[in-house]
Structure formats: structure tokens, C-alpha cells
Amino acid sequence: MTGEIMTERDVRKHSRTLIGKIVVSKEGRRFGDVGDIRFDPRTGELIDIIITRPTDYARQLISSDRAGTMRIPFSAVLSVGDFLIVSEEDIV
């Protein structure tokens, strides 16, 4: 799908593979798990990752919204494999 515009259905299908993955920084610090992913339905652009089961480290680094939801911008994602690896510099 590289270079193609993804439909909302495509994004939903591929984003489901990320749900439940452990989120860690490139330095190896654990943040929590991927609980959900927000995206723009018009463009398919991934906006941010919603963290569940945040660690104490994540709570220190990432502020939560009024509902207590912690988000990491998708632009901070460096790699996806067994883990979702993020750049701490791009979070704050």
C-alpha cells in the first residue's frame, strides 16, 4: 500500500494489528499498550495512539486529557514489529 491512499476500511484493518502491542521508547522504556488508534477518516492519516495500562514512566512524560486518556502522536512512531517503538523526543 506504499504510496497509495488508504480507505477508512484499509486503515481500520491494518490498525487492528497494532492494538495490544507494547509501546516502548527506542531507549527501551515501556509506556504501556496500544489501546486504540485515532485517524482522519477523510485521508486515512494516523493521528495518535491511545495508551492503555500506562506505566509510571509514561504518566510522568505524557499528560492525559480530561477523560484520563493518554495519547502519543503517530509521528513519534519509529518502528512497528513485536513492539511499537516510539521516539521520546517526539512525544514531548
Protein backbone atom coordinates (compact mmCIF):
# COMPACT_ATOMS: atom_id res chain seq x y z
CA MET A 1 0.00 0.00 0.00
CA THR A 2 3.01 2.28 -0.11
CA GLY A 3 2.23 5.49 -1.98
CA GLU A 4 -1.49 4.69 -2.19
CA ILE A 5 -4.25 6.50 -0.37
CA MET A 6 -5.78 4.09 2.09
CA THR A 7 -9.51 3.90 2.54
CA GLU A 8 -11.05 4.05 6.00
CA ARG A 9 -11.62 0.30 5.76
CA ASP A 10 -7.93 -0.30 4.93
CA VAL A 11 -6.79 1.84 7.86
CA ARG A 12 -9.13 0.07 10.26
CA LYS A 13 -7.95 -3.33 9.04
CA HIS A 14 -4.25 -2.53 9.38
CA SER A 15 -4.59 -0.57 12.62
CA ARG A 16 -6.20 -3.58 14.32
CA THR A 17 -2.86 -5.36 14.06
CA LEU A 18 -1.39 -2.68 16.35
CA ILE A 19 -3.98 -2.97 19.14
CA GLY A 20 -2.48 -4.61 22.21
CA LYS A 21 1.15 -4.17 21.18
CA ILE A 22 3.53 -2.97 23.87
CA VAL A 23 4.74 0.61 23.38
CA VAL A 24 8.40 1.22 24.20
CA SER A 25 10.84 4.02 23.54
CA LYS A 26 13.92 3.49 21.41
CA GLU A 27 15.81 3.57 24.72
CA GLY A 28 13.78 0.58 25.91
CA ARG A 29 11.47 2.33 28.38
CA ARG A 30 7.97 0.86 28.45
CA PHE A 31 4.99 3.21 28.11
CA GLY A 32 2.04 0.82 28.12
CA ASP A 33 -0.07 -0.90 25.45
CA VAL A 34 -1.78 0.33 22.31
CA GLY A 35 -5.45 0.59 23.26
CA ASP A 36 -6.72 2.32 20.14
CA ILE A 37 -5.62 4.45 17.22
CA ARG A 38 -7.18 7.70 16.03
CA PHE A 39 -7.09 8.56 12.36
CA ASP A 40 -8.58 11.06 9.93
CA PRO A 41 -11.33 9.18 8.06
CA ARG A 42 -11.05 11.51 5.05
CA THR A 43 -7.37 10.92 4.42
CA GLY A 44 -6.59 7.77 6.37
CA GLU A 45 -3.79 9.64 8.15
CA LEU A 46 -2.95 8.14 11.53
CA ILE A 47 -3.17 10.85 14.18
CA ASP A 48 -2.27 9.30 17.50
CA ILE A 49 -2.08 6.18 19.61
CA ILE A 50 -4.16 5.86 22.75
CA ILE A 51 -2.21 4.19 25.55
CA THR A 52 -3.78 1.73 27.96
CA ARG A 53 -2.17 0.34 31.09
CA PRO A 54 0.33 3.24 31.19
CA THR A 55 3.47 2.79 33.24
CA ASP A 56 4.59 5.25 35.89
CA TYR A 57 7.23 6.46 33.44
CA ALA A 58 4.56 7.20 30.82
CA ARG A 59 2.48 9.09 33.39
CA GLN A 60 5.48 11.31 34.14
CA LEU A 61 6.16 12.08 30.49
CA ILE A 62 2.72 12.19 28.84
CA SER A 63 -0.12 14.36 30.04
CA SER A 64 -3.63 12.94 29.83
CA ASP A 65 -6.79 14.71 28.74
CA ARG A 66 -9.82 15.38 30.95
CA ALA A 67 -11.05 11.82 30.50
CA GLY A 68 -7.65 10.47 31.57
CA THR A 69 -6.73 9.35 28.05
CA MET A 70 -3.03 9.32 27.22
CA ARG A 71 -2.07 9.87 23.59
CA ILE A 72 1.17 9.60 21.66
CA PRO A 73 1.31 11.33 18.28
CA PHE A 74 1.69 8.80 15.48
CA SER A 75 4.53 10.94 14.14
CA ALA A 76 6.57 9.69 17.14
CA VAL A 77 6.35 6.08 15.95
CA LEU A 78 9.69 4.85 14.65
CA SER A 79 9.01 1.17 14.07
CA VAL A 80 6.32 -1.48 14.37
CA GLY A 81 7.14 -5.13 14.92
CA ASP A 82 6.68 -7.21 18.03
CA PHE A 83 6.64 -3.84 19.82
CA LEU A 84 5.64 -0.35 18.77
CA ILE A 85 8.79 1.75 19.18
CA VAL A 86 8.48 5.49 19.69
CA SER A 87 10.85 8.43 19.93
CA GLU A 88 10.59 10.14 23.33
CA GLU A 89 11.83 13.39 21.78
CA ASP A 90 8.78 13.48 19.51
CA ILE A 91 6.31 12.93 22.36
CA VAL A 92 7.05 15.98 24.48
